[in-house]
Every structure is written in C-alpha cells, then in structure tokens.
Amino acid sequence: MSGAHEEFKPGRRIIHTKSKPFAPYDMEGPVQHDMSVIELSYDRAAKQGAYLIRMEPGAETIAHEHPFREEFIILEGELIESDGTVLRVGDFVMYDAGTVHNSRTEKGCLLLGIDWKRQA
C-alpha cells in the first residue's frame, strides 16, 4: 500500500475517494474557491481522463469548450446547465468535442466526469 488514500499493485491502482482530499479546482484556468477536484485518471497534459468535482452551493463553472468528448454523472445534489436544464442524481450527460457550456449549482453537487477522445 502506497498511502492512506491510494493503493498500487502491478496493473492496478485503487483511490480511496472517501478519504482522499479534494484539491483546489482550476481546470478552466483560475482557481475557483467554491469548487474542488480529485483527478482520478485525469492527465492535464492530454486533457483526458476521469475526475470528481465537488461544487459548493452557488458555484458556477467558467464557460469552456471541450477539446474532446465530456461525459459526467451526477452523484450528489443537482447541477443546472447553461440552457437551464436541471440535472439530478443519476443523470448522465455527454457533450461532443467542440461544445461550449457552463454549469452552476444552487444546492451543491458532486459529479464524476470523464473527458476522452472518441475514436471515429
């Protein structure tokens, strides 16, 4: 075991997300203090992989364009998309590469996101 928050064995990595601390959120540039992230398999250089985002009540993402496909599922709370669509626990969303959007929450939200390059 490598630490209290992660375990490594040949070919496998386990992240104990309930005990791993969230880091300041800055995926759209500046740090947003009302949001935090755990980068699970996310590779910042490639802009691909999985991550958990926690948004405090009243948080709002900066409008951004995705270079690759973005998919996410709401695990706690709710999220309001820029077109007014309200997403609740269990809702799964897919955005195609090139899509521009932003999201906000009034009640708070935890989501699992995955950014990846979809093969044709």
Protein backbone atom coordinates (compact mmCIF):
# COMPACT_ATOMS: atom_id res chain seq x y z
CA MET A 1 0.00 0.00 0.00
CA SER A 2 1.37 3.39 -1.01
CA GLY A 3 -0.57 5.59 1.42
CA ALA A 4 -3.88 6.04 3.17
CA HIS A 5 -5.58 7.35 0.01
CA GLU A 6 -4.18 5.09 -2.73
CA GLU A 7 -3.09 1.51 -3.25
CA PHE A 8 -0.86 0.26 -6.03
CA LYS A 9 -0.33 -3.30 -7.25
CA PRO A 10 1.08 -4.32 -10.63
CA GLY A 11 -1.51 -3.28 -13.19
CA ARG A 12 -3.92 -1.80 -10.64
CA ARG A 13 -4.41 1.45 -8.73
CA ILE A 14 -7.14 1.99 -6.14
CA ILE A 15 -8.05 5.50 -5.00
CA HIS A 16 -9.99 5.71 -1.74
CA THR A 17 -12.09 8.72 -2.68
CA LYS A 18 -13.88 8.94 0.68
CA SER A 19 -10.58 9.70 2.43
CA LYS A 20 -8.60 11.41 -0.36
CA PRO A 21 -8.66 15.19 -0.01
CA PHE A 22 -10.04 17.31 -2.83
CA ALA A 23 -7.66 19.84 -4.42
CA PRO A 24 -8.46 23.41 -5.49
CA TYR A 25 -10.35 23.44 -8.80
CA ASP A 26 -8.60 25.18 -11.70
CA MET A 27 -9.49 23.14 -14.79
CA GLU A 28 -10.73 26.24 -16.67
CA GLY A 29 -7.78 28.43 -15.65
CA PRO A 30 -8.04 30.40 -12.41
CA VAL A 31 -8.69 28.66 -9.11
CA GLN A 32 -12.39 28.65 -8.25
CA HIS A 33 -12.58 28.56 -4.46
CA ASP A 34 -16.14 27.22 -4.32
CA MET A 35 -15.16 24.10 -6.30
CA SER A 36 -12.68 21.27 -5.73
CA VAL A 37 -11.42 18.24 -7.67
CA ILE A 38 -9.87 14.81 -7.31
CA GLU A 39 -8.07 13.90 -10.51
CA LEU A 40 -8.63 10.13 -10.66
CA SER A 41 -7.04 9.23 -14.00
CA TYR A 42 -7.11 12.74 -15.44
CA ASP A 43 -3.97 13.72 -17.36
CA ARG A 44 -3.71 17.53 -17.54
CA ALA A 45 -1.28 17.50 -20.47
CA ALA A 46 -3.55 15.25 -22.56
CA LYS A 47 -6.76 16.84 -21.14
CA GLN A 48 -8.26 13.38 -20.82
CA GLY A 49 -9.30 11.07 -18.00
CA ALA A 50 -11.66 10.79 -15.05
CA TYR A 51 -12.17 13.20 -12.14
CA LEU A 52 -14.52 14.02 -9.29
CA ILE A 53 -15.72 17.60 -8.95
CA ARG A 54 -17.38 18.96 -5.82
CA MET A 55 -19.26 22.24 -6.24
CA GLU A 56 -20.40 24.16 -3.17
CA PRO A 57 -23.87 25.77 -3.20
CA GLY A 58 -23.81 28.79 -5.54
CA ALA A 59 -20.73 27.63 -7.50
CA GLU A 60 -20.57 28.17 -11.26
CA THR A 61 -18.03 26.94 -13.79
CA ILE A 62 -16.39 29.30 -16.27
CA ALA A 63 -17.79 28.82 -19.78
CA HIS A 64 -15.43 26.45 -21.59
CA GLU A 65 -15.02 24.49 -24.80
CA HIS A 66 -14.11 20.83 -24.65
CA PRO A 67 -11.35 19.65 -26.98
CA PHE A 68 -12.65 16.08 -26.52
CA ARG A 69 -15.90 14.41 -25.53
CA GLU A 70 -17.03 15.14 -21.95
CA GLU A 71 -19.28 12.77 -20.04
CA PHE A 72 -20.44 13.12 -16.46
CA ILE A 73 -22.89 11.66 -13.98
CA ILE A 74 -24.39 13.48 -11.01
CA LEU A 75 -23.60 11.62 -7.76
CA GLU A 76 -24.99 14.12 -5.22
CA GLY A 77 -27.06 17.31 -5.38
CA GLU A 78 -28.04 18.90 -8.65
CA LEU A 79 -26.47 20.86 -11.49
CA ILE A 80 -28.04 23.48 -13.76
CA GLU A 81 -26.68 23.67 -17.30
CA SER A 82 -26.30 26.95 -19.21
CA ASP A 83 -29.52 26.23 -21.15
CA GLY A 84 -31.47 25.86 -17.88
CA THR A 85 -31.62 22.05 -17.85
CA VAL A 86 -31.59 20.76 -14.26
CA LEU A 87 -29.58 17.57 -13.73
CA ARG A 88 -30.21 15.42 -10.67
CA VAL A 89 -28.64 12.38 -9.02
CA GLY A 90 -28.21 9.61 -11.59
CA ASP A 91 -28.44 11.86 -14.66
CA PHE A 92 -25.69 11.13 -17.20
CA VAL A 93 -24.65 13.76 -19.75
CA MET A 94 -22.50 13.60 -22.90
CA TYR A 95 -21.06 16.66 -24.63
CA ASP A 96 -19.38 16.30 -28.03
CA ALA A 97 -15.94 17.75 -28.68
CA GLY A 98 -16.18 21.46 -29.54
CA THR A 99 -19.23 22.01 -27.33
CA VAL A 100 -19.20 25.17 -25.20
CA HIS A 101 -21.13 25.29 -21.93
CA ASN A 102 -21.01 26.17 -18.27
CA SER A 103 -22.77 24.74 -15.24
CA ARG A 104 -23.92 26.05 -11.89
CA THR A 105 -25.49 24.69 -8.75
CA GLU A 106 -27.76 26.25 -6.16
CA LYS A 107 -27.76 23.30 -3.74
CA GLY A 108 -24.26 21.88 -4.28
CA CYS A 109 -23.15 18.99 -6.44
CA LEU A 110 -20.72 16.08 -6.71
CA LEU A 111 -20.11 14.66 -10.16
CA LEU A 112 -17.87 12.11 -11.82
CA GLY A 113 -16.56 13.41 -15.14
CA ILE A 114 -14.62 11.75 -17.92
CA ASP A 115 -13.00 13.61 -20.81
CA TRP A 116 -11.82 11.39 -23.67
CA LYS A 117 -11.03 11.40 -27.35
CA ARG A 118 -13.68 9.40 -29.12
CA GLN A 119 -12.37 7.31 -31.98
CA ALA A 120 -14.28 7.54 -35.27
